[in-house]
Amino acid sequence: MGSTRARPDRHLAGQNGLETQSLNRSFNGTDDVAGEGADHGTGGACAPQPNEPLRKKPSTARMNLADLLRFAAGALRGHRLRTFLSLFGVAIGVASVILLTSLGEGARLYVTGEFASLGSNLLIIIPGKTETKGLAPLVSTAPHDLTQQDAESLLQRVPGIRRVAPLIVGTARASAAERSREVTVVGTTREMLEIRHLQMASGRFLPGDLPQAAVCVLGAKIQRELFPNQNPLGQLVRIGDWRFRVIGVIAPRGVSIGMDLDEVVEIPVETGLKLFNRSGLFRILAEVGSHQDVPAAEKAVLQVLRERHGGQEDVTVLTQDSVLASFNMILRALTAALAGIAAISLAVAGLGIMNVMLVSVSERTREIGLLKALGGTNAQVLAVFLVESSILSTVGGALGLFTGLGGGRLLQQLYPDFPIQPPAWAVLAALAVSFMVGLLFGILPARNASRLNPVQALMRRKA
C-alpha cells in the first residue's frame, strides 16, 4: 500500500517542479534542487529515500539586477497601452520643464546679449534720483534738468570718459510726398554712432559741427516705407512742423534695448529740443575708456553733476553691470517659477504611475502569491514593483528630454535671433525628479504587493 500511494505523490511533485522552474530560477537564484540529507548527517528518518522526489529547500539567494529588469520589462510589455500612457504622462512633464526653462533662460541670454552689444563700459545718466540701483525711474522728478552743457562738462572734467551722447526722444508724424507714418524721433550727436556701434547703409551720420541743422538720418524700415525703390539721400522729409533733408540711412539693426532702431529718425539734439519744445535731456550716454575705470567714472560723474546742480544729487547713474544684475535676478526667478509650474505636470504623471501600479497589483494577485510561495521575500517583491515604476519614470523622462530638446531646436529655427537653451540644472533636475517620482509614487503599490499573504492571494484569485 505504501508503494502504491507514493506513485501519485511523485507524479504531482514532478509536475509542480516543471511548472515553477522558471520563476524559481529568478527568485531563488538556482536551477538545482538541494537535498536535505547533508543537513541531517547520514540516513535517519529525514534522509531522502532512493525512490522519493527531492524536496526543495528555501533559498536565501537574491534576484540580481538583470533578473529584476527582465521580470519588470516582461510585466510592462504585457500591458502595452497602460505602459504607453504612463510613459506619455512623464514625457509631457519633463518636456514641459525643458521647454519652459529654455524660454526663461533664452530671455535672460537675450537681454544679456542686448546689453553686451552696448559695450561693458557704458554709463547711463538719468534725471531723477532713485534709492536703489539697477532700473531707471519711470517718471523723472528731478529739480534740475539734464542739459547739453552737463554732457559737455562730463566730457571735459571726468578723465575716464571718452565720448558722451545726449539724447532727446519723442514721437511725431513723418511724411514724404504722399506717404506718412508715426515715427520715433531721437535727437542726439554724432557720438551716438560709435557708442551704439551703428553702421551706415548709405550717406553719413549727423554732423558734429552743425548741432542745429535741419538734417536727419533714417532707419532702414522708415526709408523703405517713405522712399520705396528710390534713393532718399537729399530728399526732404516733414517731421511735425519741420522740414528735414535726409543725409543718411542706418543699416538694419532691429530691436535693441526695447527700441527698434530700424524705425527711428535721428536728428541733431538741439534741433530735437526745439522740435519738441523741451529744455532738458532724456538721457546722457557716456562711454568710459575701460571697464576697470567704470566705478571711478561713476563717482566722478555724480560729483560733477552735484556741483552743477547746486549741491543736490538729483540724477541716477546706471552701469551695465547693475542693470544686468537686476535683469538676471528677475529672469532667473522667472525661469525657476516656470520650472515649478511645469513640475506640477510631473506630479500628475506620478499619480498616474501610482494608479497604474495599484491596478497592476490587484490584477497580479495570484502571480504575487505564487512568487512568495516559491520563496520570494517581501523585499524581493517590493523591489520588483519599484523597478517597474522606476522604468516607467526613467524611460518617460528620457523621452521627455529628447522631446523638449527637439522642441527647443524647432523654436530656434523659427526665431533664430532668440537664444533657446535649457539651463544645465533644469535638465538634471527634470531627469532626477522624474526618477524620484517613479520611486515615490511606486512605494505604496509595492508595499501593498509585498504584504500579500501567499495563501490568501492564491485563494482570492481563484474565487
Protein backbone atom coordinates (compact mmCIF):
# COMPACT_ATOMS: atom_id res chain seq x y z
CA MET A 1 0.00 0.00 0.00
CA GLY A 2 2.87 2.36 0.85
CA SER A 3 4.41 1.96 -2.59
CA THR A 4 1.02 2.47 -4.30
CA ARG A 5 0.47 5.84 -2.56
CA ALA A 6 4.00 7.03 -3.49
CA ARG A 7 3.40 6.99 -7.27
CA PRO A 8 0.77 9.81 -7.41
CA ASP A 9 2.88 11.87 -4.98
CA ARG A 10 5.94 11.52 -7.19
CA HIS A 11 3.95 12.42 -10.29
CA LEU A 12 2.42 15.53 -8.68
CA ALA A 13 5.75 16.72 -7.35
CA GLY A 14 7.44 16.33 -10.73
CA GLN A 15 4.67 18.31 -12.43
CA ASN A 16 4.97 21.14 -9.89
CA GLY A 17 8.70 21.29 -10.46
CA LEU A 18 8.23 21.75 -14.19
CA GLU A 19 5.60 24.47 -13.79
CA THR A 20 7.59 26.62 -11.39
CA GLN A 21 11.10 26.05 -12.67
CA SER A 22 11.49 29.43 -14.44
CA LEU A 23 10.05 31.50 -11.58
CA ASN A 24 12.19 29.54 -9.13
CA ARG A 25 15.32 30.40 -11.12
CA SER A 26 14.62 34.12 -10.83
CA PHE A 27 13.61 34.23 -7.19
CA ASN A 28 15.90 31.58 -5.71
CA GLY A 29 18.86 32.20 -7.98
CA THR A 30 19.49 28.47 -8.65
CA ASP A 31 18.47 25.77 -11.09
CA ASP A 32 19.37 22.85 -8.82
CA VAL A 33 17.35 21.20 -6.11
CA ALA A 34 19.30 20.77 -2.93
CA GLY A 35 18.74 17.68 -0.84
CA GLU A 36 18.36 17.88 2.85
CA GLY A 37 20.42 14.85 3.69
CA ALA A 38 23.60 16.85 4.08
CA ASP A 39 21.98 18.92 6.80
CA HIS A 40 20.94 15.91 8.86
CA GLY A 41 24.03 13.80 8.75
CA THR A 42 23.70 10.32 7.25
CA GLY A 43 20.48 8.41 6.92
CA GLY A 44 17.77 8.69 9.54
CA ALA A 45 14.07 9.19 9.17
CA CYS A 46 14.58 12.51 7.46
CA ALA A 47 17.06 11.26 4.86
CA PRO A 48 15.66 11.04 1.30
CA GLN A 49 14.85 7.59 0.06
CA PRO A 50 16.10 6.49 -3.35
CA ASN A 51 12.61 6.49 -4.92
CA GLU A 52 11.30 9.71 -3.26
CA PRO A 53 11.33 13.09 -5.06
CA LEU A 54 13.82 15.55 -3.65
CA ARG A 55 12.18 18.33 -1.66
CA LYS A 56 13.16 21.92 -2.38
CA LYS A 57 14.97 23.83 0.28
CA PRO A 58 14.03 27.50 0.54
CA SER A 59 16.93 29.55 -0.79
CA THR A 60 18.18 32.82 0.61
CA ALA A 61 19.73 33.88 -2.72
CA ARG A 62 18.51 37.22 -4.06
CA MET A 63 17.49 38.30 -7.53
CA ASN A 64 20.18 40.20 -9.33
CA LEU A 65 19.54 43.42 -11.23
CA ALA A 66 19.30 41.67 -14.59
CA ASP A 67 16.56 39.38 -13.22
CA LEU A 68 14.64 42.36 -11.84
CA LEU A 69 14.86 44.30 -15.10
CA ARG A 70 13.87 41.28 -17.19
CA PHE A 71 10.93 40.44 -14.96
CA ALA A 72 9.70 44.09 -14.80
CA ALA A 73 10.08 44.59 -18.56
CA GLY A 74 8.04 41.47 -19.22
CA ALA A 75 5.26 42.72 -16.96
CA LEU A 76 5.22 46.12 -18.69
CA ARG A 77 5.12 44.52 -22.14
CA GLY A 78 2.07 42.59 -21.05
CA HIS A 79 0.09 45.85 -20.69
CA ARG A 80 1.31 47.92 -23.63
CA LEU A 81 -1.41 50.58 -23.68
CA ARG A 82 -1.20 51.25 -19.96
CA THR A 83 2.59 51.42 -20.15
CA PHE A 84 2.43 53.82 -23.10
CA LEU A 85 0.04 56.18 -21.31
CA SER A 86 2.26 56.24 -18.21
CA LEU A 87 5.36 56.96 -20.32
CA PHE A 88 3.45 59.68 -22.19
CA GLY A 89 2.46 61.43 -18.95
CA VAL A 90 6.01 61.53 -17.63
CA ALA A 91 7.36 62.60 -21.02
CA ILE A 92 4.96 65.54 -21.17
CA GLY A 93 6.04 66.67 -17.69
CA VAL A 94 9.76 66.55 -18.47
CA ALA A 95 9.32 68.16 -21.90
CA SER A 96 7.35 71.00 -20.27
CA VAL A 97 10.14 71.63 -17.79
CA ILE A 98 12.77 71.65 -20.56
CA LEU A 99 10.82 73.95 -22.89
CA LEU A 100 9.67 76.47 -20.28
CA THR A 101 13.09 76.77 -18.66
CA SER A 102 14.60 77.09 -22.16
CA LEU A 103 12.35 80.08 -22.82
CA GLY A 104 13.21 81.67 -19.46
CA GLU A 105 16.93 81.12 -19.94
CA GLY A 106 16.65 82.34 -23.53
CA ALA A 107 15.08 85.58 -22.34
CA ARG A 108 17.95 86.07 -19.89
CA LEU A 109 20.58 85.39 -22.55
CA TYR A 110 18.80 87.70 -25.00
CA VAL A 111 18.73 90.61 -22.56
CA THR A 112 22.35 89.97 -21.61
CA GLY A 113 23.34 89.95 -25.26
CA GLU A 114 21.49 93.18 -25.92
CA PHE A 115 23.32 94.97 -23.13
CA ALA A 116 26.61 93.41 -24.18
CA SER A 117 26.12 94.98 -27.62
CA LEU A 118 26.31 98.37 -25.93
CA GLY A 119 29.74 97.60 -24.53
CA SER A 120 30.70 96.85 -20.95
CA ASN A 121 31.95 100.36 -20.24
CA LEU A 122 28.77 102.40 -20.68
CA LEU A 123 27.27 104.82 -18.16
CA ILE A 124 23.64 105.91 -18.48
CA ILE A 125 22.83 109.20 -16.70
CA ILE A 126 19.14 109.70 -15.98
CA PRO A 127 17.44 112.76 -14.46
CA GLY A 128 15.89 111.92 -11.08
CA LYS A 129 17.30 110.13 -8.05
CA THR A 130 16.40 106.54 -7.17
CA GLU A 131 17.27 104.89 -3.87
CA THR A 132 18.11 101.52 -5.40
CA LYS A 133 20.34 100.70 -8.33
CA GLY A 134 19.54 98.70 -11.41
CA LEU A 135 16.36 100.06 -13.02
CA ALA A 136 15.56 103.54 -14.29
CA PRO A 137 12.85 105.68 -12.66
CA LEU A 138 9.59 105.64 -14.59
CA VAL A 139 8.89 109.34 -14.07
CA SER A 140 11.57 111.99 -13.60
CA THR A 141 11.06 114.29 -10.59
CA ALA A 142 14.46 115.98 -10.78
CA PRO A 143 14.57 119.63 -9.64
CA HIS A 144 17.16 120.30 -12.35
CA ASP A 145 17.08 119.25 -15.99
CA LEU A 146 19.92 117.43 -17.63
CA THR A 147 21.30 119.76 -20.26
CA GLN A 148 23.73 119.58 -23.12
CA GLN A 149 26.08 121.72 -21.01
CA ASP A 150 26.04 118.95 -18.41
CA ALA A 151 27.09 116.48 -21.08
CA GLU A 152 29.94 118.75 -22.22
CA SER A 153 31.12 119.21 -18.63
CA LEU A 154 31.25 115.45 -18.10
CA LEU A 155 33.37 115.02 -21.21
CA GLN A 156 35.77 117.76 -20.10
CA ARG A 157 36.01 117.08 -16.33
CA VAL A 158 35.79 113.29 -15.97
CA PRO A 159 39.11 111.82 -17.15
CA GLY A 160 37.81 108.30 -17.80
CA ILE A 161 35.04 109.34 -20.20
CA ARG A 162 35.84 109.10 -23.92
CA ARG A 163 32.53 110.05 -25.51
CA VAL A 164 29.13 111.40 -24.47
CA ALA A 165 25.89 111.32 -26.42
CA PRO A 166 22.96 113.44 -25.15
CA LEU A 167 19.51 112.08 -26.02
CA ILE A 168 16.10 113.61 -26.55
CA VAL A 169 13.29 111.22 -27.56
CA GLY A 170 9.81 111.92 -28.86
CA THR A 171 7.23 110.85 -31.44
CA ALA A 172 5.97 112.77 -34.45
CA ARG A 173 4.40 112.19 -37.84
CA ALA A 174 6.86 111.94 -40.71
CA SER A 175 5.75 112.41 -44.29
CA ALA A 176 7.37 112.38 -47.71
CA ALA A 177 5.37 113.01 -50.84
CA GLU A 178 2.08 111.15 -50.30
CA ARG A 179 3.35 108.75 -47.67
CA SER A 180 3.34 109.37 -43.92
CA ARG A 181 3.55 107.47 -40.63
CA GLU A 182 4.29 107.95 -36.92
CA VAL A 183 7.97 107.67 -36.10
CA THR A 184 10.22 107.75 -33.04
CA VAL A 185 12.49 110.77 -33.26
CA VAL A 186 15.84 110.68 -31.45
CA GLY A 187 17.81 113.88 -31.03
CA THR A 188 21.50 113.16 -30.45
CA THR A 189 25.02 113.87 -31.68
CA ARG A 190 27.46 112.09 -33.98
CA GLU A 191 28.99 110.26 -30.98
CA MET A 192 25.87 108.11 -30.89
CA LEU A 193 27.17 106.24 -33.93
CA GLU A 194 30.23 104.99 -32.03
CA ILE A 195 28.60 104.46 -28.65
CA ARG A 196 25.77 102.30 -30.04
CA HIS A 197 28.01 100.61 -32.65
CA LEU A 198 25.73 101.60 -35.52
CA GLN A 199 26.56 101.05 -39.19
CA MET A 200 25.56 103.25 -42.10
CA ALA A 201 23.86 101.72 -45.13
CA SER A 202 24.30 104.88 -47.17
CA GLY A 203 25.20 108.52 -46.69
CA ARG A 204 26.65 109.83 -43.43
CA PHE A 205 25.60 110.30 -39.82
CA LEU A 206 24.75 113.56 -38.08
CA PRO A 207 27.34 116.34 -38.48
CA GLY A 208 29.38 117.30 -35.45
CA ASP A 209 29.75 120.97 -36.36
CA LEU A 210 26.07 121.76 -37.06
CA PRO A 211 24.11 120.91 -33.86
CA GLN A 212 21.06 122.90 -35.01
CA ALA A 213 20.92 121.79 -38.64
CA ALA A 214 17.63 120.57 -40.13
CA VAL A 215 19.05 117.25 -41.31
CA CYS A 216 18.05 113.69 -40.45
CA VAL A 217 19.18 110.09 -40.68
CA LEU A 218 16.53 107.43 -41.38
CA GLY A 219 16.20 103.94 -40.02
CA ALA A 220 16.11 101.13 -42.59
CA LYS A 221 12.38 100.46 -42.28
CA ILE A 222 11.46 104.14 -42.40
CA GLN A 223 13.50 104.51 -45.58
CA ARG A 224 11.69 101.57 -47.22
CA GLU A 225 8.26 102.92 -46.33
CA LEU A 226 8.76 106.60 -47.14
CA PHE A 227 11.08 106.15 -50.14
CA PRO A 228 10.38 102.74 -51.68
CA ASN A 229 12.61 101.81 -54.60
CA GLN A 230 14.40 105.17 -54.62
CA ASN A 231 17.43 106.87 -53.15
CA PRO A 232 16.36 109.00 -50.17
CA LEU A 233 19.62 110.97 -49.90
CA GLY A 234 18.97 114.66 -50.45
CA GLN A 235 15.20 114.23 -50.27
CA LEU A 236 13.03 116.28 -47.92
CA VAL A 237 11.02 114.79 -45.04
CA ARG A 238 8.48 116.69 -42.98
CA ILE A 239 8.61 115.78 -39.28
CA GLY A 240 5.99 117.62 -37.27
CA ASP A 241 6.17 121.24 -38.43
CA TRP A 242 9.81 120.98 -39.53
CA ARG A 243 11.31 120.04 -42.87
CA PHE A 244 14.50 117.93 -42.79
CA ARG A 245 16.88 116.88 -45.51
CA VAL A 246 17.91 113.20 -45.48
CA ILE A 247 21.70 112.78 -45.30
CA GLY A 248 21.98 109.09 -44.42
CA VAL A 249 20.32 105.71 -43.80
CA ILE A 250 21.24 103.42 -40.90
CA ALA A 251 21.95 99.77 -41.74
CA PRO A 252 19.29 97.31 -40.47
CA ARG A 253 19.80 96.68 -36.76
CA GLY A 254 16.49 95.52 -35.31
CA VAL A 255 15.29 95.92 -31.75
CA SER A 256 17.90 96.93 -29.18
CA ILE A 257 17.08 97.61 -25.52
CA GLY A 258 13.38 97.99 -26.27
CA MET A 259 13.81 100.33 -29.26
CA ASP A 260 13.56 99.29 -32.89
CA LEU A 261 16.44 101.19 -34.48
CA ASP A 262 15.03 100.45 -37.94
CA GLU A 263 12.01 102.64 -37.14
CA VAL A 264 13.72 105.76 -35.79
CA VAL A 265 14.66 109.07 -37.31
CA GLU A 266 17.74 110.70 -35.82
CA ILE A 267 18.20 114.47 -35.82
CA PRO A 268 20.66 116.87 -34.09
CA VAL A 269 19.99 117.18 -30.37
CA GLU A 270 19.44 120.95 -30.27
CA THR A 271 17.03 120.67 -33.17
CA GLY A 272 15.20 117.96 -31.24
CA LEU A 273 14.84 120.19 -28.18
CA LYS A 274 13.25 122.88 -30.34
CA LEU A 275 11.06 120.41 -32.24
CA PHE A 276 9.53 119.05 -29.01
CA ASN A 277 9.78 122.35 -27.10
CA ARG A 278 11.80 120.90 -24.22
CA SER A 279 14.55 122.25 -22.06
CA GLY A 280 16.00 119.04 -20.62
CA LEU A 281 17.53 115.86 -22.00
CA PHE A 282 16.02 112.40 -21.76
CA ARG A 283 19.34 110.62 -21.11
CA ILE A 284 23.08 111.06 -21.40
CA LEU A 285 25.13 108.09 -22.59
CA ALA A 286 28.78 108.20 -21.53
CA GLU A 287 31.41 105.75 -22.77
CA VAL A 288 34.30 105.05 -20.38
CA GLY A 289 37.77 104.13 -21.68
CA SER A 290 37.88 100.70 -19.98
CA HIS A 291 35.68 98.53 -17.81
CA GLN A 292 38.06 98.91 -14.85
CA ASP A 293 37.51 102.68 -14.89
CA VAL A 294 33.70 102.44 -14.63
CA PRO A 295 33.38 102.65 -10.79
CA ALA A 296 35.69 105.67 -10.57
CA ALA A 297 33.96 107.35 -13.51
CA GLU A 298 30.56 106.78 -11.89
CA LYS A 299 31.65 108.58 -8.72
CA ALA A 300 33.20 111.42 -10.71
CA VAL A 301 30.01 111.89 -12.78
CA LEU A 302 27.91 112.19 -9.62
CA GLN A 303 30.39 114.68 -8.17
CA VAL A 304 30.43 116.89 -11.28
CA LEU A 305 26.64 116.96 -11.64
CA ARG A 306 26.20 117.59 -7.91
CA GLU A 307 28.35 120.70 -8.24
CA ARG A 308 26.47 121.88 -11.33
CA HIS A 309 23.04 121.31 -9.71
CA GLY A 310 23.57 123.36 -6.58
CA GLY A 311 24.84 120.57 -4.35
CA GLN A 312 21.88 118.26 -5.00
CA GLU A 313 22.37 114.70 -6.20
CA ASP A 314 19.34 114.58 -8.45
CA VAL A 315 20.50 112.13 -11.10
CA THR A 316 20.84 108.36 -11.31
CA VAL A 317 23.87 106.73 -12.91
CA LEU A 318 23.32 103.22 -14.23
CA THR A 319 26.09 100.87 -15.23
CA GLN A 320 25.77 97.85 -17.43
CA ASP A 321 26.70 95.57 -14.53
CA SER A 322 23.97 96.94 -12.26
CA VAL A 323 21.32 96.72 -14.96
CA LEU A 324 22.35 93.19 -15.91
CA ALA A 325 22.36 92.11 -12.27
CA SER A 326 18.79 93.35 -11.85
CA PHE A 327 17.57 91.70 -15.05
CA ASN A 328 19.41 88.47 -14.24
CA MET A 329 17.78 88.30 -10.83
CA ILE A 330 14.32 88.89 -12.28
CA LEU A 331 14.73 86.48 -15.18
CA ARG A 332 16.30 83.72 -13.05
CA ALA A 333 13.32 83.95 -10.71
CA LEU A 334 11.02 83.78 -13.73
CA THR A 335 12.84 80.69 -15.02
CA ALA A 336 12.56 79.00 -11.62
CA ALA A 337 8.84 79.84 -11.45
CA LEU A 338 8.29 78.36 -14.92
CA ALA A 339 10.15 75.22 -13.87
CA GLY A 340 7.93 74.94 -10.79
CA ILE A 341 4.78 75.28 -12.88
CA ALA A 342 5.98 72.63 -15.31
CA ALA A 343 6.94 70.32 -12.43
CA ILE A 344 3.27 70.13 -11.48
CA SER A 345 2.71 68.02 -14.59
CA LEU A 346 5.39 65.64 -13.31
CA ALA A 347 3.48 65.24 -10.06
CA VAL A 348 0.32 64.49 -12.05
CA ALA A 349 2.26 61.89 -14.05
CA GLY A 350 3.44 60.37 -10.76
CA LEU A 351 -0.14 59.97 -9.62
CA GLY A 352 -0.85 58.22 -12.91
CA ILE A 353 2.04 55.81 -12.31
CA MET A 354 0.75 55.07 -8.81
CA ASN A 355 -2.73 54.30 -10.11
CA VAL A 356 -1.32 52.07 -12.83
CA MET A 357 0.80 50.15 -10.33
CA LEU A 358 -2.11 49.75 -7.90
CA VAL A 359 -4.20 48.27 -10.71
CA SER A 360 -1.27 46.05 -11.66
CA VAL A 361 -1.00 44.73 -8.09
CA SER A 362 -4.70 43.90 -7.99
CA GLU A 363 -4.55 42.12 -11.35
CA ARG A 364 -1.41 40.14 -10.49
CA THR A 365 -2.50 38.93 -7.07
CA ARG A 366 -2.19 35.24 -7.99
CA GLU A 367 1.24 35.81 -9.53
CA ILE A 368 2.46 37.59 -6.39
CA GLY A 369 1.10 34.77 -4.22
CA LEU A 370 2.85 32.17 -6.35
CA LEU A 371 6.17 34.05 -6.20
CA LYS A 372 6.01 34.28 -2.45
CA ALA A 373 5.00 30.64 -2.16
CA LEU A 374 8.14 29.74 -4.09
CA GLY A 375 10.29 31.54 -1.54
CA GLY A 376 10.26 35.15 -2.72
CA THR A 377 10.74 37.53 0.18
CA ASN A 378 8.83 40.73 0.86
CA ALA A 379 11.94 42.72 -0.13
CA GLN A 380 12.15 40.93 -3.49
CA VAL A 381 8.50 41.55 -4.31
CA LEU A 382 8.92 45.18 -3.22
CA ALA A 383 11.94 45.53 -5.47
CA VAL A 384 10.08 44.08 -8.48
CA PHE A 385 7.33 46.71 -8.36
CA LEU A 386 9.70 49.58 -7.53
CA VAL A 387 11.80 48.64 -10.56
CA GLU A 388 8.68 48.65 -12.74
CA SER A 389 7.68 52.16 -11.61
CA SER A 390 11.30 53.36 -11.95
CA ILE A 391 11.47 52.04 -15.52
CA LEU A 392 8.28 53.93 -16.37
CA SER A 393 9.53 57.21 -14.92
CA THR A 394 13.10 56.93 -16.22
CA VAL A 395 12.21 55.96 -19.78
CA GLY A 396 9.44 58.56 -19.80
CA GLY A 397 11.91 61.16 -18.55
CA ALA A 398 14.38 60.30 -21.32
CA LEU A 399 11.64 60.58 -23.94
CA GLY A 400 10.56 63.91 -22.47
CA LEU A 401 14.15 65.17 -22.52
CA PHE A 402 14.55 64.39 -26.23
CA THR A 403 11.13 65.87 -26.97
CA GLY A 404 11.93 69.06 -25.07
CA LEU A 405 15.31 69.48 -26.74
CA GLY A 406 13.75 68.81 -30.13
CA GLY A 407 11.03 71.37 -29.48
CA GLY A 408 13.70 73.88 -28.49
CA ARG A 409 15.56 73.24 -31.74
CA LEU A 410 12.35 73.82 -33.69
CA LEU A 411 11.68 77.12 -31.91
CA GLN A 412 15.27 78.15 -32.55
CA GLN A 413 14.70 77.61 -36.27
CA LEU A 414 11.52 79.69 -36.18
CA TYR A 415 13.08 82.50 -34.10
CA PRO A 416 16.82 82.48 -34.85
CA ASP A 417 17.51 85.76 -33.02
CA PHE A 418 16.14 84.43 -29.75
CA PRO A 419 18.52 82.04 -27.98
CA ILE A 420 16.62 78.97 -26.75
CA GLN A 421 18.84 76.93 -24.48
CA PRO A 422 17.81 74.95 -21.39
CA PRO A 423 20.00 75.56 -18.33
CA ALA A 424 22.03 72.54 -17.26
CA TRP A 425 20.42 72.49 -13.83
CA ALA A 426 16.95 72.21 -15.38
CA VAL A 427 17.93 69.18 -17.47
CA LEU A 428 19.48 67.39 -14.49
CA ALA A 429 16.63 68.38 -12.18
CA ALA A 430 13.96 67.18 -14.65
CA LEU A 431 15.59 63.76 -15.01
CA ALA A 432 16.21 63.43 -11.27
CA VAL A 433 12.67 64.47 -10.38
CA SER A 434 11.15 62.10 -12.93
CA PHE A 435 13.16 59.21 -11.46
CA MET A 436 12.21 60.18 -7.90
CA VAL A 437 8.57 60.48 -8.92
CA GLY A 438 8.64 56.85 -10.05
CA LEU A 439 10.17 55.71 -6.76
CA LEU A 440 7.96 57.87 -4.57
CA PHE A 441 4.66 57.03 -6.21
CA GLY A 442 5.65 53.37 -6.62
CA ILE A 443 6.21 52.80 -2.90
CA LEU A 444 2.53 52.38 -1.95
CA PRO A 445 1.69 49.79 -4.65
CA ALA A 446 4.97 47.95 -3.98
CA ARG A 447 4.27 47.79 -0.24
CA ASN A 448 0.78 46.50 -0.87
CA ALA A 449 2.20 43.77 -3.11
CA SER A 450 4.94 42.75 -0.66
CA ARG A 451 2.48 42.40 2.24
CA LEU A 452 0.14 40.00 0.47
CA ASN A 453 -0.26 36.61 2.15
CA PRO A 454 0.59 33.98 -0.48
CA VAL A 455 -2.22 31.59 0.51
CA GLN A 456 -4.85 34.32 0.65
CA ALA A 457 -3.55 35.78 -2.61
CA LEU A 458 -3.94 32.46 -4.43
CA MET A 459 -7.37 31.82 -2.93
CA ARG A 460 -8.61 35.33 -3.71
CA ARG A 461 -7.64 34.96 -7.34
CA LYS A 462 -9.31 31.60 -7.65
CA ALA A 463 -12.54 32.77 -6.07
